[in-house]
Amino acid sequence: MMSLLLFAVPVVLYVIVKKYRFKKLPKQTHDDFMKLVWNKDIKNPGVILHRGGNVDAPENTLEAIKQAKKSGCCGVEIDINFTKDGVGILLHDDTVERTTDGTGNLENFTLSQVQQLNAAAKHKKCKELGHCKIPTLEESVDLCLELNLLTFLDCKGNAKKTADLVCRLFQEKPELYKTAVVCSFFPQIIYAVRSKDASIMTALTFRTHWLSHLGDGTPRFTGLTQSLVERANSILRFAHSYFLWYFFGNTFYLLNMDMLSRDIFLQWKNRGIHCIPWTVNHPIMKEYCLEYLHCPIITDGLDTKL
């Protein structure tokens, strides 16, 4: 009975995924995008600045996007979050204190209130830059289009709001279908976006132990809950590796730099998926990815040592 069950479960799963999966975009669509990534007319092809680039300018600001263009990078990765009144803005965290002169949860700030905060307050160039506002997603996307920068939209939560906003922007600004990718750690966000508009390029984002630990290694939970969630990490990794990318019809896969190897890169390449590692800051790793693997990178800045 157990043997039959072990055989039946993957078969049923395969049939469901095969029947209900989203159709992958035509190969020409992502090939054209990759030509823009490796544009030989810019100074730093293949380089995408993390959070807009947080070394030379405050992260997730218009100033960072402009600096990315000056640096000759092919694109930026920016973070989408929402204010109390439901406006999409650029902010990585759920709280405002790490990057601004304010304190508290973002969900308690209206757009008017959040734009009074100084997004440059904690940056090394704060005195030189003065006040930098937290921009809306729409004005950030408009700037990327104006500057001919590729855009990776990292969606932090709220699948319905995200899908509604992102799909509206794509429909109002059709050039985004050629120059932007919607990415997220959350499969439900990619599902919501592709359900609403299957013409949008998407990517799942992943790092080891994402469910159980924060980016700095701090456990998210304690006791039995933490132990159970740690076990769930293996299930999520299996899902990412073997069927979520296929079910969603993804174009790209964004994985943490620590997971990257030549074999992993080739595994995704053989599936027709473009693998992009983050956050690649060490000069040797940058060279390894860009020159040896011919793999685009997401980095905090051009001049990074760690």
Protein backbone atom coordinates (compact mmCIF):
# COMPACT_ATOMS: atom_id res chain seq x y z
CA MET A 1 0.00 0.00 0.00
CA MET A 2 2.80 2.40 0.93
CA SER A 3 4.67 1.66 -2.31
CA LEU A 4 1.53 2.39 -4.32
CA LEU A 5 1.08 5.67 -2.47
CA LEU A 6 4.66 6.71 -3.08
CA PHE A 7 4.14 6.05 -6.77
CA ALA A 8 0.70 7.68 -7.01
CA VAL A 9 1.46 11.00 -5.29
CA PRO A 10 4.14 12.21 -7.74
CA VAL A 11 2.06 11.01 -10.70
CA VAL A 12 -1.01 12.93 -9.53
CA LEU A 13 1.14 15.98 -8.82
CA TYR A 14 2.66 15.79 -12.30
CA VAL A 15 -0.77 15.57 -13.96
CA ILE A 16 -2.07 18.57 -12.00
CA VAL A 17 0.98 20.70 -12.75
CA LYS A 18 0.96 19.69 -16.41
CA LYS A 19 -2.73 20.51 -16.85
CA TYR A 20 -2.95 23.79 -14.95
CA ARG A 21 0.49 25.30 -15.44
CA PHE A 22 0.98 28.74 -16.97
CA LYS A 23 2.37 28.75 -20.47
CA LYS A 24 5.95 29.94 -20.67
CA LEU A 25 6.58 33.08 -22.68
CA PRO A 26 8.07 32.68 -26.17
CA LYS A 27 11.82 32.16 -26.22
CA GLN A 28 12.23 35.30 -28.30
CA THR A 29 10.82 37.40 -25.45
CA HIS A 30 13.52 36.48 -22.95
CA ASP A 31 16.23 36.33 -25.61
CA ASP A 32 15.46 39.96 -26.47
CA PHE A 33 15.58 40.84 -22.78
CA MET A 34 18.96 39.17 -22.38
CA LYS A 35 20.32 41.15 -25.32
CA LEU A 36 19.51 44.27 -23.29
CA VAL A 37 21.20 42.76 -20.23
CA TRP A 38 24.40 42.21 -22.22
CA ASN A 39 24.20 45.50 -24.12
CA LYS A 40 27.75 46.17 -25.32
CA ASP A 41 27.06 49.90 -25.64
CA ILE A 42 27.00 50.39 -21.86
CA LYS A 43 29.92 50.40 -19.45
CA ASN A 44 28.83 47.52 -17.19
CA PRO A 45 26.65 45.01 -19.05
CA GLY A 46 25.24 42.17 -16.98
CA VAL A 47 25.29 44.24 -13.78
CA ILE A 48 22.00 44.85 -11.96
CA LEU A 49 22.11 47.08 -8.88
CA HIS A 50 20.48 45.64 -5.75
CA ARG A 51 17.78 47.89 -4.26
CA GLY A 52 18.69 50.39 -6.95
CA GLY A 53 22.27 50.36 -5.69
CA ASN A 54 22.92 51.18 -2.04
CA VAL A 55 26.67 51.89 -2.10
CA ASP A 56 26.75 55.20 -3.95
CA ALA A 57 23.20 56.34 -3.16
CA PRO A 58 20.41 55.52 -0.66
CA GLU A 59 18.69 52.26 -1.51
CA ASN A 60 15.32 52.26 -3.26
CA THR A 61 15.39 55.94 -4.20
CA LEU A 62 15.24 57.89 -7.44
CA GLU A 63 18.77 59.05 -6.66
CA ALA A 64 19.95 55.42 -6.66
CA ILE A 65 18.26 54.72 -9.99
CA LYS A 66 19.90 57.78 -11.55
CA GLN A 67 23.28 56.69 -10.16
CA ALA A 68 22.80 53.23 -11.68
CA LYS A 69 22.40 54.86 -15.06
CA LYS A 70 25.49 57.03 -14.55
CA SER A 71 27.45 53.90 -13.59
CA GLY A 72 26.59 52.23 -16.88
CA CYS A 73 24.68 49.28 -15.40
CA CYS A 74 22.03 47.44 -17.38
CA GLY A 75 19.33 47.59 -14.73
CA VAL A 76 18.12 47.83 -11.15
CA GLU A 77 16.32 45.60 -8.69
CA ILE A 78 13.83 47.55 -6.54
CA ASP A 79 11.50 46.54 -3.70
CA ILE A 80 7.73 47.04 -3.72
CA ASN A 81 5.88 47.66 -0.47
CA PHE A 82 2.60 49.36 0.46
CA THR A 83 1.61 52.33 2.62
CA LYS A 84 -1.38 52.50 4.96
CA ASP A 85 -3.47 54.05 2.18
CA GLY A 86 -2.51 51.31 -0.27
CA VAL A 87 0.04 53.12 -2.43
CA GLY A 88 2.92 51.10 -3.85
CA ILE A 89 6.29 52.53 -2.83
CA LEU A 90 9.94 51.49 -2.79
CA LEU A 91 10.96 50.12 0.62
CA HIS A 92 12.62 46.84 1.52
CA ASP A 93 11.62 46.50 5.17
CA ASP A 94 8.25 46.42 6.93
CA THR A 95 9.58 49.16 9.21
CA VAL A 96 11.15 52.51 8.33
CA GLU A 97 13.94 52.95 10.89
CA ARG A 98 16.78 51.12 9.13
CA THR A 99 16.95 53.51 6.18
CA THR A 100 15.11 56.67 7.27
CA ASP A 101 14.92 59.18 10.14
CA GLY A 102 11.54 57.77 11.21
CA THR A 103 10.42 54.84 13.35
CA GLY A 104 7.52 52.43 13.20
CA ASN A 105 5.78 50.01 10.90
CA LEU A 106 5.22 51.04 7.31
CA GLU A 107 1.59 49.94 7.53
CA ASN A 108 0.97 52.85 9.91
CA PHE A 109 2.21 55.51 7.43
CA THR A 110 0.19 57.11 4.65
CA LEU A 111 2.00 58.09 1.45
CA SER A 112 2.07 61.72 2.55
CA GLN A 113 3.59 60.78 5.89
CA VAL A 114 6.17 58.36 4.52
CA GLN A 115 7.39 60.87 1.94
CA GLN A 116 8.20 63.32 4.71
CA LEU A 117 10.85 60.88 5.94
CA ASN A 118 14.42 61.20 4.68
CA ALA A 119 15.45 58.03 2.85
CA ALA A 120 19.07 59.24 2.91
CA ALA A 121 19.22 59.68 6.69
CA LYS A 122 21.27 56.52 7.36
CA HIS A 123 23.39 56.63 4.21
CA LYS A 124 27.09 57.53 4.29
CA LYS A 125 26.42 60.44 1.91
CA CYS A 126 23.46 61.83 3.85
CA LYS A 127 24.97 65.30 4.35
CA GLU A 128 25.90 65.58 0.69
CA LEU A 129 22.54 64.33 -0.55
CA GLY A 130 20.22 66.17 1.82
CA HIS A 131 16.60 65.01 1.82
CA CYS A 132 15.69 62.07 -0.42
CA LYS A 133 12.08 61.00 -0.45
CA ILE A 134 10.75 57.45 -0.61
CA PRO A 135 9.38 57.26 -4.16
CA THR A 136 6.23 55.61 -5.41
CA LEU A 137 6.59 52.55 -7.58
CA GLU A 138 5.02 54.35 -10.52
CA GLU A 139 7.43 57.27 -10.56
CA SER A 140 10.34 54.82 -10.12
CA VAL A 141 9.20 52.73 -13.08
CA ASP A 142 8.74 55.90 -15.15
CA LEU A 143 12.31 56.91 -14.38
CA CYS A 144 13.67 53.47 -15.32
CA LEU A 145 11.84 53.65 -18.64
CA GLU A 146 13.13 57.17 -19.26
CA LEU A 147 16.72 56.07 -18.54
CA ASN A 148 16.43 52.79 -20.48
CA LEU A 149 17.17 50.69 -17.41
CA LEU A 150 15.89 47.14 -17.03
CA THR A 151 13.80 46.68 -13.90
CA PHE A 152 13.44 43.74 -11.52
CA LEU A 153 10.42 44.36 -9.28
CA ASP A 154 10.92 42.48 -6.00
CA CYS A 155 7.46 42.08 -4.45
CA LYS A 156 7.51 41.82 -0.66
CA GLY A 157 3.92 40.78 0.12
CA ASN A 158 0.16 41.20 -0.35
CA ALA A 159 -0.41 39.19 -3.51
CA LYS A 160 -3.68 40.81 -4.60
CA LYS A 161 -2.55 44.42 -4.15
CA THR A 162 0.73 43.63 -5.84
CA ALA A 163 -0.89 41.92 -8.82
CA ASP A 164 -3.44 44.72 -9.25
CA LEU A 165 -0.79 47.45 -9.15
CA VAL A 166 1.87 45.72 -11.22
CA CYS A 167 -0.52 44.55 -13.93
CA ARG A 168 -2.06 48.01 -14.21
CA LEU A 169 1.37 49.57 -14.67
CA PHE A 170 2.31 47.03 -17.34
CA GLN A 171 -0.90 47.66 -19.24
CA GLU A 172 -0.51 51.44 -19.02
CA LYS A 173 3.22 51.29 -19.90
CA PRO A 174 3.51 48.40 -22.40
CA GLU A 175 7.27 48.89 -22.79
CA LEU A 176 7.53 47.14 -19.40
CA TYR A 177 6.64 43.82 -21.05
CA LYS A 178 10.06 44.02 -22.73
CA THR A 179 12.11 45.61 -19.96
CA ALA A 180 10.77 44.47 -16.56
CA VAL A 181 10.60 41.25 -14.54
CA VAL A 182 8.33 40.63 -11.54
CA CYS A 183 10.11 38.57 -8.90
CA SER A 184 9.32 37.38 -5.38
CA PHE A 185 10.16 34.90 -2.65
CA PHE A 186 6.42 34.28 -2.35
CA PRO A 187 4.98 31.80 -4.89
CA GLN A 188 1.47 33.17 -4.28
CA ILE A 189 2.56 36.56 -5.64
CA ILE A 190 3.93 35.07 -8.85
CA TYR A 191 0.71 33.06 -9.15
CA ALA A 192 -1.45 36.17 -8.69
CA VAL A 193 0.53 38.18 -11.25
CA ARG A 194 0.57 35.47 -13.93
CA SER A 195 -3.14 34.75 -13.31
CA LYS A 196 -3.95 38.38 -14.02
CA ASP A 197 -1.51 38.89 -16.90
CA ALA A 198 0.32 35.89 -18.33
CA SER A 199 2.40 38.11 -20.64
CA ILE A 200 4.56 39.42 -17.77
CA MET A 201 8.05 37.94 -17.29
CA THR A 202 8.42 36.50 -13.78
CA ALA A 203 11.03 34.99 -11.49
CA LEU A 204 10.97 33.11 -8.22
CA THR A 205 13.59 34.23 -5.69
CA PHE A 206 15.18 31.79 -3.25
CA ARG A 207 17.79 31.36 -0.57
CA THR A 208 18.51 28.43 1.72
CA HIS A 209 16.58 28.46 5.05
CA TRP A 210 14.42 31.38 3.90
CA LEU A 211 11.35 30.12 5.78
CA SER A 212 13.15 29.64 9.09
CA HIS A 213 15.81 32.37 9.20
CA LEU A 214 16.17 36.06 8.42
CA GLY A 215 18.80 37.21 5.96
CA ASP A 216 21.36 37.74 8.73
CA GLY A 217 20.88 34.19 10.03
CA THR A 218 18.58 35.06 12.94
CA PRO A 219 15.88 32.41 13.54
CA ARG A 220 12.38 33.67 12.74
CA PHE A 221 10.76 31.57 15.47
CA THR A 222 11.61 29.64 18.64
CA GLY A 223 11.22 26.13 20.01
CA LEU A 224 9.03 23.59 18.26
CA THR A 225 7.75 26.11 15.71
CA GLN A 226 11.29 26.87 14.57
CA SER A 227 12.08 23.15 14.31
CA LEU A 228 8.98 22.47 12.20
CA VAL A 229 9.62 25.42 9.91
CA GLU A 230 13.21 24.29 9.40
CA ARG A 231 11.86 20.98 8.10
CA ALA A 232 9.55 22.89 5.76
CA ASN A 233 12.62 24.52 4.18
CA SER A 234 13.45 21.21 2.49
CA ILE A 235 9.95 20.95 1.03
CA LEU A 236 10.12 24.48 -0.34
CA ARG A 237 13.54 23.88 -1.85
CA PHE A 238 12.25 20.73 -3.54
CA ALA A 239 9.26 22.67 -4.89
CA HIS A 240 11.52 25.41 -6.26
CA SER A 241 13.90 22.95 -7.85
CA TYR A 242 11.44 20.58 -9.47
CA PHE A 243 8.05 22.06 -10.26
CA LEU A 244 7.21 25.65 -9.20
CA TRP A 245 9.31 27.19 -11.97
CA TYR A 246 7.58 24.92 -14.48
CA PHE A 247 4.07 25.52 -13.11
CA PHE A 248 4.46 29.31 -13.20
CA GLY A 249 6.16 29.35 -16.59
CA ASN A 250 8.96 31.46 -15.17
CA THR A 251 11.61 33.12 -17.30
CA PHE A 252 14.24 33.72 -14.60
CA TYR A 253 15.39 32.28 -11.29
CA LEU A 254 16.99 34.56 -8.71
CA LEU A 255 19.04 32.61 -6.18
CA ASN A 256 21.31 33.56 -3.33
CA MET A 257 24.98 33.76 -4.29
CA ASP A 258 25.90 31.09 -1.71
CA MET A 259 23.85 28.53 -3.66
CA LEU A 260 25.51 29.22 -7.01
CA SER A 261 27.80 26.72 -8.69
CA ARG A 262 28.57 25.88 -12.30
CA ASP A 263 26.39 22.78 -12.06
CA ILE A 264 23.43 24.73 -10.65
CA PHE A 265 23.84 27.41 -13.31
CA LEU A 266 23.88 24.78 -16.08
CA GLN A 267 20.92 22.95 -14.55
CA TRP A 268 18.74 26.02 -14.91
CA LYS A 269 20.20 26.92 -18.30
CA ASN A 270 19.28 23.48 -19.63
CA ARG A 271 15.70 24.12 -18.52
CA GLY A 272 15.63 27.34 -20.52
CA ILE A 273 15.68 29.45 -17.35
CA HIS A 274 18.07 32.36 -16.88
CA CYS A 275 19.73 32.11 -13.45
CA ILE A 276 20.71 35.40 -11.77
CA PRO A 277 22.57 35.30 -8.40
CA TRP A 278 22.29 37.89 -5.62
CA THR A 279 23.93 39.65 -3.84
CA VAL A 280 27.31 39.28 -5.59
CA ASN A 281 29.70 41.76 -3.96
CA HIS A 282 33.13 40.12 -3.89
CA PRO A 283 35.26 41.14 -6.92
CA ILE A 284 36.36 37.54 -7.58
CA MET A 285 32.77 36.28 -7.53
CA LYS A 286 31.73 39.11 -9.83
CA GLU A 287 34.40 38.11 -12.31
CA TYR A 288 33.51 34.41 -11.99
CA CYS A 289 29.84 35.07 -12.78
CA LEU A 290 30.23 37.70 -15.47
CA GLU A 291 33.27 36.34 -17.30
CA TYR A 292 33.36 32.59 -16.67
CA LEU A 293 29.66 31.70 -16.41
CA HIS A 294 28.48 34.62 -18.53
CA CYS A 295 25.82 35.08 -15.89
CA PRO A 296 24.26 38.44 -14.94
CA ILE A 297 24.60 39.48 -11.30
CA ILE A 298 22.68 41.53 -8.75
CA THR A 299 25.12 43.53 -6.63
CA ASP A 300 25.04 46.33 -4.05
CA GLY A 301 27.45 48.41 -6.13
CA LEU A 302 30.37 48.44 -8.49
CA ASP A 303 32.88 49.19 -5.76
CA THR A 304 32.21 46.44 -3.23
CA LYS A 305 34.77 44.36 -1.36
CA LEU A 306 32.71 41.82 0.59
